[in-house]
PDB file of all heavy atoms in Angstrom:
ATOM      1  N   GLN A   1     219.277 132.261  11.246  1.00  0.00           N
ATOM      2  CA  GLN A   1     219.379 133.430  12.157  1.00  0.00           C
ATOM      3  C   GLN A   1     220.799 133.857  12.417  1.00  0.00           C
ATOM      4  O   GLN A   1     221.104 135.058  12.428  1.00  0.00           O
ATOM      5  CB  GLN A   1     218.678 133.102  13.475  1.00  0.00           C
ATOM      6  CG  GLN A   1     217.172 132.916  13.329  1.00  0.00           C
ATOM      7  CD  GLN A   1     216.507 132.484  14.677  1.00  0.00           C
ATOM      8  OE1 GLN A   1     217.082 131.641  15.368  1.00  0.00           O
ATOM      9  NE2 GLN A   1     215.375 133.023  14.984  1.00  0.00           N
ATOM     10  N   LEU A   2     221.692 132.874  12.570  1.00  0.00           N
ATOM     11  CA  LEU A   2     223.101 133.199  12.816  1.00  0.00           C
ATOM     12  C   LEU A   2     223.686 133.958  11.626  1.00  0.00           C
ATOM     13  O   LEU A   2     224.416 134.930  11.807  1.00  0.00           O
ATOM     14  CB  LEU A   2     223.898 131.956  13.117  1.00  0.00           C
ATOM     15  CG  LEU A   2     223.828 131.438  14.547  1.00  0.00           C
ATOM     16  CD1 LEU A   2     224.406 130.085  14.675  1.00  0.00           C
ATOM     17  CD2 LEU A   2     224.566 132.408  15.472  1.00  0.00           C
ATOM     18  N   THR A   3     223.441 133.427  10.416  1.00  0.00           N
ATOM     19  CA  THR A   3     224.060 134.081   9.231  1.00  0.00           C
ATOM     20  C   THR A   3     223.374 135.404   8.875  1.00  0.00           C
ATOM     21  O   THR A   3     223.855 136.066   7.963  1.00  0.00           O
ATOM     22  CB  THR A   3     224.000 133.123   8.058  1.00  0.00           C
ATOM     23  OG1 THR A   3     222.703 132.658   7.810  1.00  0.00           O
ATOM     24  CG2 THR A   3     224.941 131.909   8.225  1.00  0.00           C
ATOM     25  N   SER A   4     222.326 135.723   9.567  1.00  0.00           N
ATOM     26  CA  SER A   4     221.723 137.061   9.366  1.00  0.00           C
ATOM     27  C   SER A   4     222.501 138.135  10.120  1.00  0.00           C
ATOM     28  O   SER A   4     222.310 139.331   9.852  1.00  0.00           O
ATOM     29  CB  SER A   4     220.273 137.055   9.815  1.00  0.00           C
ATOM     30  OG  SER A   4     220.177 137.065  11.259  1.00  0.00           O
ATOM     31  N   LEU A   5     223.375 137.714  10.987  1.00  0.00           N
ATOM     32  CA  LEU A   5     224.202 138.652  11.773  1.00  0.00           C
ATOM     33  C   LEU A   5     225.387 139.148  10.966  1.00  0.00           C
ATOM     34  O   LEU A   5     226.008 138.355  10.211  1.00  0.00           O
ATOM     35  CB  LEU A   5     224.691 138.006  13.056  1.00  0.00           C
ATOM     36  CG  LEU A   5     223.635 137.569  14.081  1.00  0.00           C
ATOM     37  CD1 LEU A   5     224.278 136.698  15.153  1.00  0.00           C
ATOM     38  CD2 LEU A   5     222.957 138.817  14.658  1.00  0.00           C
ATOM     39  N   PRO A   6     225.768 140.413  11.054  1.00  0.00           N
ATOM     40  CA  PRO A   6     226.925 140.944  10.294  1.00  0.00           C
ATOM     41  C   PRO A   6     228.215 140.175  10.563  1.00  0.00           C
ATOM     42  O   PRO A   6     228.519 139.890  11.723  1.00  0.00           O
ATOM     43  CB  PRO A   6     227.011 142.371  10.785  1.00  0.00           C
ATOM     44  CG  PRO A   6     225.622 142.720  11.224  1.00  0.00           C
ATOM     45  CD  PRO A   6     225.081 141.446  11.840  1.00  0.00           C
ATOM     46  N   GLY A   7     228.910 139.788   9.516  1.00  0.00           N
ATOM     47  CA  GLY A   7     230.193 139.118   9.688  1.00  0.00           C
ATOM     48  C   GLY A   7     230.109 137.664  10.038  1.00  0.00           C
ATOM     49  O   GLY A   7     231.172 137.007  10.185  1.00  0.00           O
ATOM     50  N   VAL A   8     228.943 137.074  10.074  1.00  0.00           N
ATOM     51  CA  VAL A   8     228.788 135.662  10.392  1.00  0.00           C
ATOM     52  C   VAL A   8     228.462 134.890   9.154  1.00  0.00           C
ATOM     53  O   VAL A   8     227.362 134.981   8.620  1.00  0.00           O
ATOM     54  CB  VAL A   8     227.714 135.424  11.473  1.00  0.00           C
ATOM     55  CG1 VAL A   8     227.598 133.946  11.796  1.00  0.00           C
ATOM     56  CG2 VAL A   8     228.053 136.232  12.750  1.00  0.00           C
ATOM     57  N   GLY A   9     229.426 134.080   8.682  1.00  0.00           N
ATOM     58  CA  GLY A   9     229.221 133.239   7.506  1.00  0.00           C
ATOM     59  C   GLY A   9     228.765 131.824   7.920  1.00  0.00           C
ATOM     60  O   GLY A   9     228.628 131.561   9.093  1.00  0.00           O
ATOM     61  N   ARG A  10     228.608 131.010   6.894  1.00  0.00           N
ATOM     62  CA  ARG A  10     228.138 129.656   7.154  1.00  0.00           C
ATOM     63  C   ARG A  10     229.073 128.850   8.019  1.00  0.00           C
ATOM     64  O   ARG A  10     228.645 128.102   8.908  1.00  0.00           O
ATOM     65  CB  ARG A  10     227.871 128.942   5.818  1.00  0.00           C
ATOM     66  CG  ARG A  10     227.178 127.602   5.953  1.00  0.00           C
ATOM     67  CD  ARG A  10     226.852 126.987   4.638  1.00  0.00           C
ATOM     68  NE  ARG A  10     226.110 125.727   4.814  1.00  0.00           N
ATOM     69  CZ  ARG A  10     224.799 125.634   4.896  1.00  0.00           C
ATOM     70  NH1 ARG A  10     224.089 126.748   4.812  1.00  0.00           N
ATOM     71  NH2 ARG A  10     224.207 124.471   5.061  1.00  0.00           N
ATOM     72  N   LYS A  11     230.341 128.981   7.765  1.00  0.00           N
ATOM     73  CA  LYS A  11     231.360 128.207   8.577  1.00  0.00           C
ATOM     74  C   LYS A  11     231.317 128.614  10.048  1.00  0.00           C
ATOM     75  O   LYS A  11     231.225 127.721  10.917  1.00  0.00           O
ATOM     76  CB  LYS A  11     232.737 128.441   8.018  1.00  0.00           C
ATOM     77  CG  LYS A  11     233.837 127.622   8.730  1.00  0.00           C
ATOM     78  CD  LYS A  11     235.224 128.134   8.449  1.00  0.00           C
ATOM     79  CE  LYS A  11     235.521 129.377   9.227  1.00  0.00           C
ATOM     80  NZ  LYS A  11     236.937 129.838   9.106  1.00  0.00           N
ATOM     81  N   THR A  12     231.292 129.908  10.301  1.00  0.00           N
ATOM     82  CA  THR A  12     231.214 130.363  11.684  1.00  0.00           C
ATOM     83  C   THR A  12     229.936 129.924  12.353  1.00  0.00           C
ATOM     84  O   THR A  12     229.947 129.412  13.488  1.00  0.00           O
ATOM     85  CB  THR A  12     231.294 131.907  11.728  1.00  0.00           C
ATOM     86  OG1 THR A  12     232.575 132.315  11.253  1.00  0.00           O
ATOM     87  CG2 THR A  12     231.084 132.430  13.123  1.00  0.00           C
ATOM     88  N   ALA A  13     228.815 130.022  11.608  1.00  0.00           N
ATOM     89  CA  ALA A  13     227.515 129.566  12.188  1.00  0.00           C
ATOM     90  C   ALA A  13     227.535 128.097  12.518  1.00  0.00           C
ATOM     91  O   ALA A  13     227.075 127.658  13.559  1.00  0.00           O
ATOM     92  CB  ALA A  13     226.421 129.881  11.192  1.00  0.00           C
ATOM     93  N   ASN A  14     228.135 127.285  11.660  1.00  0.00           N
ATOM     94  CA  ASN A  14     228.157 125.823  11.898  1.00  0.00           C
ATOM     95  C   ASN A  14     229.039 125.508  13.132  1.00  0.00           C
ATOM     96  O   ASN A  14     228.746 124.552  13.857  1.00  0.00           O
ATOM     97  CB  ASN A  14     228.685 125.121  10.667  1.00  0.00           C
ATOM     98  CG  ASN A  14     227.588 124.855   9.653  1.00  0.00           C
ATOM     99  OD1 ASN A  14     226.414 124.800   9.984  1.00  0.00           O
ATOM    100  ND2 ASN A  14     227.955 124.746   8.377  1.00  0.00           N
ATOM    101  N   VAL A  15     230.124 126.230  13.298  1.00  0.00           N
ATOM    102  CA  VAL A  15     230.966 125.993  14.505  1.00  0.00           C
ATOM    103  C   VAL A  15     230.156 126.264  15.753  1.00  0.00           C
ATOM    104  O   VAL A  15     230.179 125.475  16.701  1.00  0.00           O
ATOM    105  CB  VAL A  15     232.236 126.917  14.465  1.00  0.00           C
ATOM    106  CG1 VAL A  15     232.910 126.845  15.808  1.00  0.00           C
ATOM    107  CG2 VAL A  15     233.180 126.458  13.393  1.00  0.00           C
ATOM    108  N   VAL A  16     229.466 127.378  15.783  1.00  0.00           N
ATOM    109  CA  VAL A  16     228.659 127.751  16.950  1.00  0.00           C
ATOM    110  C   VAL A  16     227.555 126.738  17.242  1.00  0.00           C
ATOM    111  O   VAL A  16     227.355 126.269  18.358  1.00  0.00           O
ATOM    112  CB  VAL A  16     228.067 129.166  16.805  1.00  0.00           C
ATOM    113  CG1 VAL A  16     227.105 129.459  17.948  1.00  0.00           C
ATOM    114  CG2 VAL A  16     229.171 130.211  16.766  1.00  0.00           C
ATOM    115  N   LEU A  17     226.864 126.329  16.159  1.00  0.00           N
ATOM    116  CA  LEU A  17     225.771 125.367  16.304  1.00  0.00           C
ATOM    117  C   LEU A  17     226.297 124.029  16.822  1.00  0.00           C
ATOM    118  O   LEU A  17     225.676 123.375  17.690  1.00  0.00           O
ATOM    119  CB  LEU A  17     225.055 125.146  14.967  1.00  0.00           C
ATOM    120  CG  LEU A  17     224.253 126.380  14.464  1.00  0.00           C
ATOM    121  CD1 LEU A  17     223.731 126.109  13.089  1.00  0.00           C
ATOM    122  CD2 LEU A  17     223.081 126.715  15.409  1.00  0.00           C
ATOM    123  N   SER A  18     227.420 123.642  16.356  1.00  0.00           N
ATOM    124  CA  SER A  18     228.052 122.370  16.683  1.00  0.00           C
ATOM    125  C   SER A  18     228.578 122.352  18.148  1.00  0.00           C
ATOM    126  O   SER A  18     228.257 121.512  18.941  1.00  0.00           O
ATOM    127  CB  SER A  18     229.136 121.969  15.740  1.00  0.00           C
ATOM    128  OG  SER A  18     229.839 120.828  16.140  1.00  0.00           O
ATOM    129  N   VAL A  19     229.404 123.341  18.412  1.00  0.00           N
ATOM    130  CA  VAL A  19     230.095 123.388  19.704  1.00  0.00           C
ATOM    131  C   VAL A  19     229.214 123.870  20.834  1.00  0.00           C
ATOM    132  O   VAL A  19     229.211 123.268  21.938  1.00  0.00           O
ATOM    133  CB  VAL A  19     231.372 124.245  19.603  1.00  0.00           C
ATOM    134  CG1 VAL A  19     232.064 124.373  20.957  1.00  0.00           C
ATOM    135  CG2 VAL A  19     232.324 123.665  18.564  1.00  0.00           C
ATOM    136  N   ALA A  20     228.483 124.961  20.606  1.00  0.00           N
ATOM    137  CA  ALA A  20     227.680 125.521  21.687  1.00  0.00           C
ATOM    138  C   ALA A  20     226.373 124.811  21.898  1.00  0.00           C
ATOM    139  O   ALA A  20     225.853 124.700  23.030  1.00  0.00           O
ATOM    140  CB  ALA A  20     227.397 127.019  21.392  1.00  0.00           C
ATOM    141  N   PHE A  21     225.789 124.274  20.818  1.00  0.00           N
ATOM    142  CA  PHE A  21     224.447 123.712  20.909  1.00  0.00           C
ATOM    143  C   PHE A  21     224.345 122.248  20.474  1.00  0.00           C
ATOM    144  O   PHE A  21     223.294 121.672  20.359  1.00  0.00           O
ATOM    145  CB  PHE A  21     223.486 124.519  20.040  1.00  0.00           C
ATOM    146  CG  PHE A  21     223.475 126.026  20.415  1.00  0.00           C
ATOM    147  CD1 PHE A  21     223.863 126.992  19.508  1.00  0.00           C
ATOM    148  CD2 PHE A  21     223.085 126.400  21.701  1.00  0.00           C
ATOM    149  CE1 PHE A  21     223.842 128.315  19.849  1.00  0.00           C
ATOM    150  CE2 PHE A  21     223.084 127.739  22.063  1.00  0.00           C
ATOM    151  CZ  PHE A  21     223.460 128.675  21.156  1.00  0.00           C
ATOM    152  N   GLN A  22     225.536 121.607  20.259  1.00  0.00           N
ATOM    153  CA  GLN A  22     225.622 120.168  20.004  1.00  0.00           C
ATOM    154  C   GLN A  22     224.738 119.722  18.821  1.00  0.00           C
ATOM    155  O   GLN A  22     224.122 118.660  18.851  1.00  0.00           O
ATOM    156  CB  GLN A  22     225.248 119.328  21.238  1.00  0.00           C
ATOM    157  CG  GLN A  22     226.270 119.484  22.335  1.00  0.00           C
ATOM    158  CD  GLN A  22     226.188 120.783  23.112  1.00  0.00           C
ATOM    159  OE1 GLN A  22     225.103 121.122  23.569  1.00  0.00           O
ATOM    160  NE2 GLN A  22     227.262 121.497  23.246  1.00  0.00           N
ATOM    161  N   GLN A  23     224.605 120.574  17.816  1.00  0.00           N
ATOM    162  CA  GLN A  23     223.869 120.215  16.631  1.00  0.00           C
ATOM    163  C   GLN A  23     224.792 119.504  15.623  1.00  0.00           C
ATOM    164  O   GLN A  23     225.989 119.812  15.541  1.00  0.00           O
ATOM    165  CB  GLN A  23     223.209 121.441  15.992  1.00  0.00           C
ATOM    166  CG  GLN A  23     222.149 122.100  16.861  1.00  0.00           C
ATOM    167  CD  GLN A  23     221.456 123.212  16.173  1.00  0.00           C
ATOM    168  OE1 GLN A  23     221.393 123.276  14.933  1.00  0.00           O
ATOM    169  NE2 GLN A  23     220.930 124.147  16.892  1.00  0.00           N
ATOM    170  N   PRO A  24     224.247 118.591  14.810  1.00  0.00           N
ATOM    171  CA  PRO A  24     225.109 117.830  13.863  1.00  0.00           C
ATOM    172  C   PRO A  24     225.420 118.640  12.628  1.00  0.00           C
ATOM    173  O   PRO A  24     224.958 118.340  11.517  1.00  0.00           O
ATOM    174  CB  PRO A  24     224.245 116.604  13.551  1.00  0.00           C
ATOM    175  CG  PRO A  24     222.840 117.088  13.685  1.00  0.00           C
ATOM    176  CD  PRO A  24     222.893 118.050  14.826  1.00  0.00           C
ATOM    177  N   THR A  25     226.197 119.730  12.818  1.00  0.00           N
ATOM    178  CA  THR A  25     226.577 120.559  11.688  1.00  0.00           C
ATOM    179  C   THR A  25     228.068 120.362  11.359  1.00  0.00           C
ATOM    180  O   THR A  25     228.868 120.001  12.242  1.00  0.00           O
ATOM    181  CB  THR A  25     226.295 122.057  11.983  1.00  0.00           C
ATOM    182  OG1 THR A  25     227.069 122.421  13.137  1.00  0.00           O
ATOM    183  CG2 THR A  25     224.840 122.279  12.244  1.00  0.00           C
ATOM    184  N   MET A  26     228.468 120.639  10.131  1.00  0.00           N
ATOM    185  CA  MET A  26     229.824 120.436   9.691  1.00  0.00           C
ATOM    186  C   MET A  26     230.375 121.734   9.160  1.00  0.00           C
ATOM    187  O   MET A  26     230.026 122.179   8.053  1.00  0.00           O
ATOM    188  CB  MET A  26     229.856 119.338   8.585  1.00  0.00           C
ATOM    189  CG  MET A  26     231.239 119.139   7.951  1.00  0.00           C
ATOM    190  SD  MET A  26     232.523 118.629   9.123  1.00  0.00           S
ATOM    191  CE  MET A  26     231.952 117.004   9.558  1.00  0.00           C
ATOM    192  N   ALA A  27     231.247 122.395   9.918  1.00  0.00           N
ATOM    193  CA  ALA A  27     231.905 123.588   9.486  1.00  0.00           C
ATOM    194  C   ALA A  27     233.104 123.174   8.607  1.00  0.00           C
ATOM    195  O   ALA A  27     233.964 122.375   8.999  1.00  0.00           O
ATOM    196  CB  ALA A  27     232.415 124.380  10.664  1.00  0.00           C
ATOM    197  N   VAL A  28     233.138 123.744   7.424  1.00  0.00           N
ATOM    198  CA  VAL A  28     234.212 123.400   6.476  1.00  0.00           C
ATOM    199  C   VAL A  28     235.192 124.564   6.344  1.00  0.00           C
ATOM    200  O   VAL A  28     234.870 125.596   5.691  1.00  0.00           O
ATOM    201  CB  VAL A  28     233.666 122.990   5.097  1.00  0.00           C
ATOM    202  CG1 VAL A  28     234.818 122.678   4.121  1.00  0.00           C
ATOM    203  CG2 VAL A  28     232.743 121.773   5.227  1.00  0.00           C
ATOM    204  N   ASP A  29     236.325 124.462   6.951  1.00  0.00           N
ATOM    205  CA  ASP A  29     237.396 125.471   6.780  1.00  0.00           C
ATOM    206  C   ASP A  29     238.445 124.917   5.795  1.00  0.00           C
ATOM    207  O   ASP A  29     238.211 123.892   5.139  1.00  0.00           O
ATOM    208  CB  ASP A  29     238.061 125.824   8.137  1.00  0.00           C
ATOM    209  CG  ASP A  29     238.770 124.646   8.738  1.00  0.00           C
ATOM    210  OD1 ASP A  29     238.741 123.512   8.166  1.00  0.00           O
ATOM    211  OD2 ASP A  29     239.356 124.826   9.851  1.00  0.00           O
ATOM    212  N   THR A  30     239.544 125.580   5.662  1.00  0.00           N
ATOM    213  CA  THR A  30     240.560 125.136   4.715  1.00  0.00           C
ATOM    214  C   THR A  30     241.090 123.788   5.050  1.00  0.00           C
ATOM    215  O   THR A  30     241.407 122.959   4.111  1.00  0.00           O
ATOM    216  CB  THR A  30     241.719 126.147   4.612  1.00  0.00           C
ATOM    217  OG1 THR A  30     242.273 126.326   5.939  1.00  0.00           O
ATOM    218  CG2 THR A  30     241.248 127.518   4.114  1.00  0.00           C
ATOM    219  N   HIS A  31     241.227 123.468   6.339  1.00  0.00           N
ATOM    220  CA  HIS A  31     241.776 122.143   6.722  1.00  0.00           C
ATOM    221  C   HIS A  31     240.794 121.037   6.368  1.00  0.00           C
ATOM    222  O   HIS A  31     241.164 120.013   5.787  1.00  0.00           O
ATOM    223  CB  HIS A  31     242.026 122.115   8.247  1.00  0.00           C
ATOM    224  CG  HIS A  31     243.071 123.068   8.702  1.00  0.00           C
ATOM    225  ND1 HIS A  31     244.353 123.073   8.242  1.00  0.00           N
ATOM    226  CD2 HIS A  31     243.014 124.091   9.609  1.00  0.00           C
ATOM    227  CE1 HIS A  31     245.082 123.998   8.831  1.00  0.00           C
ATOM    228  NE2 HIS A  31     244.265 124.650   9.646  1.00  0.00           N
ATOM    229  N   VAL A  32     239.514 121.228   6.709  1.00  0.00           N
ATOM    230  CA  VAL A  32     238.502 120.218   6.430  1.00  0.00           C
ATOM    231  C   VAL A  32     238.363 120.013   4.941  1.00  0.00           C
ATOM    232  O   VAL A  32     238.258 118.916   4.426  1.00  0.00           O
ATOM    233  CB  VAL A  32     237.142 120.594   7.048  1.00  0.00           C
ATOM    234  CG1 VAL A  32     236.053 119.610   6.643  1.00  0.00           C
ATOM    235  CG2 VAL A  32     237.281 120.620   8.573  1.00  0.00           C
ATOM    236  N   PHE A  33     238.396 121.132   4.201  1.00  0.00           N
ATOM    237  CA  PHE A  33     238.266 121.056   2.742  1.00  0.00           C
ATOM    238  C   PHE A  33     239.443 120.264   2.108  1.00  0.00           C
ATOM    239  O   PHE A  33     239.221 119.358   1.318  1.00  0.00           O
ATOM    240  CB  PHE A  33     238.251 122.471   2.148  1.00  0.00           C
ATOM    241  CG  PHE A  33     237.919 122.556   0.708  1.00  0.00           C
ATOM    242  CD1 PHE A  33     236.609 122.714   0.270  1.00  0.00           C
ATOM    243  CD2 PHE A  33     238.927 122.542  -0.273  1.00  0.00           C
ATOM    244  CE1 PHE A  33     236.278 122.779  -1.080  1.00  0.00           C
ATOM    245  CE2 PHE A  33     238.645 122.608  -1.621  1.00  0.00           C
ATOM    246  CZ  PHE A  33     237.298 122.734  -2.009  1.00  0.00           C
ATOM    247  N   ARG A  34     240.628 120.570   2.542  1.00  0.00           N
ATOM    248  CA  ARG A  34     241.809 119.897   2.035  1.00  0.00           C
ATOM    249  C   ARG A  34     241.875 118.430   2.343  1.00  0.00           C
ATOM    250  O   ARG A  34     242.080 117.573   1.487  1.00  0.00           O
ATOM    251  CB  ARG A  34     243.066 120.623   2.570  1.00  0.00           C
ATOM    252  CG  ARG A  34     244.393 119.981   2.126  1.00  0.00           C
ATOM    253  CD  ARG A  34     245.568 120.704   2.678  1.00  0.00           C
ATOM    254  NE  ARG A  34     245.737 120.572   4.124  1.00  0.00           N
ATOM    255  CZ  ARG A  34     245.471 121.528   4.999  1.00  0.00           C
ATOM    256  NH1 ARG A  34     245.007 122.679   4.585  1.00  0.00           N
ATOM    257  NH2 ARG A  34     245.637 121.304   6.293  1.00  0.00           N
ATOM    258  N   VAL A  35     241.699 118.090   3.622  1.00  0.00           N
ATOM    259  CA  VAL A  35     241.781 116.704   4.062  1.00  0.00           C
ATOM    260  C   VAL A  35     240.674 115.854   3.465  1.00  0.00           C
ATOM    261  O   VAL A  35     240.912 114.706   3.096  1.00  0.00           O
ATOM    262  CB  VAL A  35     241.736 116.622   5.615  1.00  0.00           C
ATOM    263  CG1 VAL A  35     241.701 115.165   6.081  1.00  0.00           C
ATOM    264  CG2 VAL A  35     242.946 117.319   6.192  1.00  0.00           C
TER     265      VAL A  35
END
């Protein structure tokens, strides 16, 4: 449902699910990818 919204990709959706709703999701940005 989140990624059905305009401008919302998987990374953004995972951040919202994790931080706002405490779901075990992993947002992968450039830092997470590199490390």
